[in-house]
Amino acid sequence: MDELTFFYWMMGIWLGLAGVTFLSLLFIAAPYGRHGRGGWGPEIPARLSWILMEAPSPIGMAVLFLLATPERQSSLAAIAFLCLWQIHYINRSFVFPFRIRAAGKTVPLAVPLMAIVFNLGNAYLNGRWLFHFAPAYPDAWLYDPRFLVGVGLFFLGFIINQHADWILIHLRKPGETGYKIPKGGAYRYVSCPNYLGEILEWTGWALATWSLAGLTFAVWTFANLVPRALTHHKWYQDKFPDYPTERRAVFPYVL
């Protein structure tokens, strides 16, 4: 089996696993954050967990770009794709973990280990396709409506995600503990605008790259985050009797 054949087999299996993950997470909440619980093995500091599980994405994509031919590396479209990916993942790997209040918090080691496997596979599928297997994107792709709309969606999602994180990080005053109802921004409409933002980002990525690899990532993002948003939403409703009834879990006015 040559690598391209392996690549397509892996893509198909990856899509199948997204479906399994979606169904599983509807019934089992991943054991971290507010849904953390015992029974999942040894634990590590939460901040270290974030770095370990997210870092394979920017590192893997950078390596695949550097392994591309000089012609590919000089492509404006390829550089644009690399920048989009790194904007999200450098923040998620090396900035966000130092913004959150993680002192004393732990995460089961199983969580970052599973995330590492996913992020390595996802970076391989997207980076290998964009920088090696796909027909070279011409510079004119930067003016294609699919790229322009996709990049617009990506940055809309990134802004929503960043603002939602900012609200959560500043929700409690120094010294305060416990949970509060987040307010403002997209929290007026949904319980998890940070997840909505990520779904928009990677839907935009799929459109901008116009690739099966990008679509696979968008499907995985939906499969992973929508069930967790539903779990978050129910948790808020159970914990706060005065929780706003007009809010949805992740998609305004819909779900």
Protein backbone atom coordinates (compact mmCIF):
# COMPACT_ATOMS: atom_id res chain seq x y z
CA MET A 1 0.00 0.00 0.00
CA ASP A 2 1.45 3.36 -0.98
CA GLU A 3 1.07 6.39 1.27
CA LEU A 4 -1.69 8.04 -0.76
CA THR A 5 -3.83 4.90 -0.51
CA PHE A 6 -3.13 4.78 3.23
CA PHE A 7 -4.06 8.46 3.43
CA TYR A 8 -7.51 7.89 1.92
CA TRP A 9 -8.13 4.82 4.08
CA MET A 10 -7.20 6.82 7.14
CA MET A 11 -9.54 9.63 6.06
CA GLY A 12 -12.44 7.22 5.81
CA ILE A 13 -11.69 5.65 9.18
CA TRP A 14 -11.26 9.12 10.70
CA LEU A 15 -14.74 10.13 9.53
CA GLY A 16 -16.18 6.93 10.95
CA LEU A 17 -14.54 7.59 14.31
CA ALA A 18 -16.09 11.06 14.34
CA GLY A 19 -19.52 9.44 14.23
CA VAL A 20 -18.62 7.05 17.04
CA THR A 21 -17.24 9.94 19.10
CA PHE A 22 -20.39 11.99 18.61
CA LEU A 23 -22.66 9.20 19.78
CA SER A 24 -20.39 8.34 22.72
CA LEU A 25 -20.15 11.91 23.98
CA LEU A 26 -23.93 12.24 23.99
CA PHE A 27 -23.88 9.80 26.90
CA ILE A 28 -20.42 10.18 28.46
CA ALA A 29 -19.02 13.63 29.35
CA ALA A 30 -15.26 13.90 28.89
CA PRO A 31 -13.83 14.02 32.46
CA TYR A 32 -12.21 17.45 32.62
CA GLY A 33 -13.22 20.95 33.62
CA ARG A 34 -16.56 21.19 35.41
CA HIS A 35 -17.25 17.58 34.46
CA GLY A 36 -14.05 16.25 36.03
CA ARG A 37 -14.42 13.11 38.13
CA GLY A 38 -12.38 10.23 39.47
CA GLY A 39 -11.96 6.79 38.02
CA TRP A 40 -10.03 7.77 34.89
CA GLY A 41 -6.54 6.93 36.08
CA PRO A 42 -3.57 9.13 37.06
CA GLU A 43 -3.89 12.89 36.74
CA ILE A 44 -1.55 15.68 35.66
CA PRO A 45 -1.69 19.49 36.13
CA ALA A 46 -4.38 21.06 33.94
CA ARG A 47 -2.04 23.67 32.43
CA LEU A 48 0.48 21.01 31.41
CA SER A 49 -2.36 18.94 29.98
CA TRP A 50 -3.46 21.79 27.70
CA ILE A 51 0.06 22.29 26.37
CA LEU A 52 0.72 18.59 25.80
CA MET A 53 -2.51 17.90 23.98
CA GLU A 54 -2.59 20.99 21.75
CA ALA A 55 1.10 21.41 20.87
CA PRO A 56 1.23 18.50 18.37
CA SER A 57 -1.05 20.49 16.03
CA PRO A 58 1.12 23.58 15.40
CA ILE A 59 4.34 21.56 15.56
CA GLY A 60 3.04 18.85 13.22
CA MET A 61 1.71 21.34 10.68
CA ALA A 62 4.96 23.33 10.73
CA VAL A 63 7.01 20.17 10.16
CA LEU A 64 4.85 19.10 7.21
CA PHE A 65 5.17 22.58 5.69
CA LEU A 66 8.96 22.48 6.07
CA LEU A 67 9.05 19.06 4.39
CA ALA A 68 7.23 20.42 1.34
CA THR A 69 9.05 21.29 -1.86
CA PRO A 70 10.43 24.83 -2.20
CA GLU A 71 7.73 25.54 -4.79
CA ARG A 72 5.02 24.58 -2.31
CA GLN A 73 6.63 26.57 0.48
CA SER A 74 6.65 29.69 -1.70
CA SER A 75 2.96 29.35 -2.56
CA LEU A 76 0.97 32.25 -1.13
CA ALA A 77 -2.03 29.97 -0.59
CA ALA A 78 0.04 27.41 1.31
CA ILE A 79 1.52 30.16 3.50
CA ALA A 80 -1.97 31.51 4.15
CA PHE A 81 -3.22 28.07 5.22
CA LEU A 82 -0.24 27.62 7.52
CA CYS A 83 -0.86 31.03 9.10
CA LEU A 84 -4.55 30.32 9.70
CA TRP A 85 -3.75 27.02 11.39
CA GLN A 86 -1.00 28.50 13.53
CA ILE A 87 -3.08 31.52 14.59
CA HIS A 88 -5.51 29.16 16.27
CA TYR A 89 -3.14 26.52 17.58
CA ILE A 90 -0.26 28.64 18.84
CA ASN A 91 -2.81 30.52 20.90
CA ARG A 92 -4.46 27.29 22.09
CA SER A 93 -1.14 25.59 22.89
CA PHE A 94 1.08 28.30 24.32
CA VAL A 95 -1.07 31.32 25.20
CA PHE A 96 -4.44 30.09 26.46
CA PRO A 97 -2.98 27.66 29.06
CA PHE A 98 -1.27 30.60 30.79
CA ARG A 99 -4.39 32.78 30.76
CA ILE A 100 -6.67 30.38 32.60
CA ARG A 101 -6.80 29.89 36.35
CA ALA A 102 -5.36 26.40 36.49
CA ALA A 103 -3.51 26.43 39.83
CA GLY A 104 -4.27 23.24 41.72
CA LYS A 105 -6.45 21.78 38.96
CA THR A 106 -5.71 18.40 37.42
CA VAL A 107 -6.87 16.40 34.41
CA PRO A 108 -6.83 12.62 33.91
CA LEU A 109 -3.80 11.71 31.81
CA ALA A 110 -6.10 9.76 29.51
CA VAL A 111 -7.63 13.04 28.24
CA PRO A 112 -4.44 14.62 26.83
CA LEU A 113 -3.25 11.24 25.53
CA MET A 114 -6.43 10.83 23.45
CA ALA A 115 -6.15 14.45 22.31
CA ILE A 116 -2.51 13.96 21.27
CA VAL A 117 -3.50 11.02 19.06
CA PHE A 118 -6.29 13.06 17.47
CA ASN A 119 -4.18 16.19 16.94
CA LEU A 120 -1.31 14.26 15.39
CA GLY A 121 -3.68 12.46 13.02
CA ASN A 122 -5.59 15.64 12.20
CA ALA A 123 -2.42 17.63 11.51
CA TYR A 124 -1.16 14.79 9.29
CA LEU A 125 -4.36 14.63 7.24
CA ASN A 126 -4.60 18.39 6.73
CA GLY A 127 -0.91 19.19 6.37
CA ARG A 128 -0.04 16.23 4.17
CA TRP A 129 -2.93 17.04 1.85
CA LEU A 130 -2.35 20.78 1.62
CA PHE A 131 1.43 20.73 1.28
CA HIS A 132 2.05 17.43 -0.51
CA PHE A 133 -0.88 15.51 -2.05
CA ALA A 134 -3.29 18.21 -3.23
CA PRO A 135 -2.84 19.88 -6.59
CA ALA A 136 -0.93 23.06 -5.88
CA TYR A 137 -3.20 25.96 -5.05
CA PRO A 138 -2.49 28.87 -7.41
CA ASP A 139 -2.00 32.36 -6.02
CA ALA A 140 -5.36 33.24 -7.58
CA TRP A 141 -6.97 30.97 -4.97
CA LEU A 142 -6.60 33.88 -2.54
CA TYR A 143 -9.29 35.70 -4.53
CA ASP A 144 -11.61 32.73 -4.91
CA PRO A 145 -15.01 33.27 -3.19
CA ARG A 146 -14.59 29.95 -1.34
CA PHE A 147 -11.34 31.12 0.18
CA LEU A 148 -12.62 34.60 1.00
CA VAL A 149 -15.84 33.38 2.63
CA GLY A 150 -13.96 30.61 4.43
CA VAL A 151 -11.39 33.01 5.86
CA GLY A 152 -14.18 35.36 6.89
CA LEU A 153 -15.93 32.53 8.75
CA PHE A 154 -12.63 31.48 10.31
CA PHE A 155 -11.93 34.92 11.77
CA LEU A 156 -15.54 35.43 12.85
CA GLY A 157 -15.26 32.17 14.77
CA PHE A 158 -11.86 33.10 16.17
CA ILE A 159 -13.17 36.43 17.48
CA ILE A 160 -16.23 34.79 19.05
CA ASN A 161 -14.01 32.14 20.63
CA GLN A 162 -11.52 34.65 22.02
CA HIS A 163 -14.20 36.95 23.43
CA ALA A 164 -16.01 34.03 25.06
CA ASP A 165 -12.75 32.87 26.65
CA TRP A 166 -12.07 36.41 27.88
CA ILE A 167 -15.48 36.57 29.56
CA LEU A 168 -14.93 33.20 31.26
CA ILE A 169 -11.42 34.07 32.41
CA HIS A 170 -12.66 37.34 33.97
CA LEU A 171 -15.90 35.91 35.32
CA ARG A 172 -14.57 35.64 38.88
CA LYS A 173 -12.72 38.31 40.78
CA PRO A 174 -9.32 37.45 42.33
CA GLY A 175 -9.86 35.16 45.27
CA GLU A 176 -13.36 34.10 44.24
CA THR A 177 -14.20 30.45 43.66
CA GLY A 178 -17.15 28.57 42.27
CA TYR A 179 -19.14 29.10 39.08
CA LYS A 180 -21.23 32.01 37.84
CA ILE A 181 -23.51 32.56 34.89
CA PRO A 182 -21.45 34.14 32.09
CA LYS A 183 -23.06 37.17 30.47
CA GLY A 184 -22.42 39.45 27.53
CA GLY A 185 -21.25 38.89 23.99
CA ALA A 186 -22.49 35.70 22.39
CA TYR A 187 -23.42 34.38 25.85
CA ARG A 188 -26.65 36.29 25.33
CA TYR A 189 -27.61 33.61 22.82
CA VAL A 190 -25.81 30.39 23.71
CA SER A 191 -24.22 28.68 26.68
CA CYS A 192 -21.04 27.78 24.80
CA PRO A 193 -20.02 30.52 22.35
CA ASN A 194 -16.42 29.33 22.61
CA TYR A 195 -17.52 26.06 21.00
CA LEU A 196 -19.65 27.90 18.45
CA GLY A 197 -16.56 29.91 17.55
CA GLU A 198 -14.44 26.82 16.98
CA ILE A 199 -17.13 25.20 14.84
CA LEU A 200 -17.25 28.35 12.70
CA GLU A 201 -13.45 28.45 12.48
CA TRP A 202 -13.07 24.94 11.14
CA THR A 203 -16.12 25.17 8.91
CA GLY A 204 -14.41 28.21 7.42
CA TRP A 205 -11.19 26.20 7.14
CA ALA A 206 -13.00 23.44 5.24
CA LEU A 207 -14.41 26.01 2.84
CA ALA A 208 -11.15 27.93 2.41
CA THR A 209 -9.14 24.77 1.70
CA TRP A 210 -12.01 23.17 -0.27
CA SER A 211 -10.68 19.78 0.75
CA LEU A 212 -11.96 16.51 2.18
CA ALA A 213 -9.29 16.79 4.87
CA GLY A 214 -10.68 20.18 5.92
CA LEU A 215 -14.24 18.86 5.84
CA THR A 216 -13.20 15.91 7.99
CA PHE A 217 -11.81 18.32 10.60
CA ALA A 218 -15.03 20.35 10.55
CA VAL A 219 -17.08 17.17 11.06
CA TRP A 220 -14.82 16.14 13.96
CA THR A 221 -15.16 19.59 15.55
CA PHE A 222 -18.94 19.30 15.41
CA ALA A 223 -18.87 15.73 16.72
CA ASN A 224 -16.65 16.64 19.66
CA LEU A 225 -18.04 20.01 20.71
CA VAL A 226 -21.79 19.82 20.14
CA PRO A 227 -22.33 16.99 22.68
CA ARG A 228 -20.12 18.79 25.20
CA ALA A 229 -22.07 22.00 24.65
CA LEU A 230 -25.31 20.13 25.34
CA THR A 231 -23.78 18.73 28.54
CA HIS A 232 -22.62 22.22 29.59
CA HIS A 233 -26.06 23.66 28.86
CA LYS A 234 -27.83 21.08 31.00
CA TRP A 235 -25.27 21.60 33.77
CA TYR A 236 -25.99 25.35 33.80
CA GLN A 237 -29.74 24.73 33.86
CA ASP A 238 -29.42 22.27 36.74
CA LYS A 239 -27.08 24.45 38.78
CA PHE A 240 -28.74 27.83 38.30
CA PRO A 241 -32.56 27.99 38.68
CA ASP A 242 -32.50 31.50 37.16
CA TYR A 243 -30.50 30.47 34.09
CA PRO A 244 -31.76 32.38 31.02
CA THR A 245 -34.41 30.27 29.30
CA GLU A 246 -33.86 31.90 25.91
CA ARG A 247 -30.30 30.63 25.61
CA ARG A 248 -29.53 27.61 23.47
CA ALA A 249 -26.55 25.31 23.92
CA VAL A 250 -24.38 26.17 20.92
CA PHE A 251 -26.37 27.42 17.89
CA PRO A 252 -28.48 30.56 18.50
CA TYR A 253 -32.25 29.97 18.33
CA VAL A 254 -31.69 26.37 17.13
CA LEU A 255 -29.85 24.02 19.51
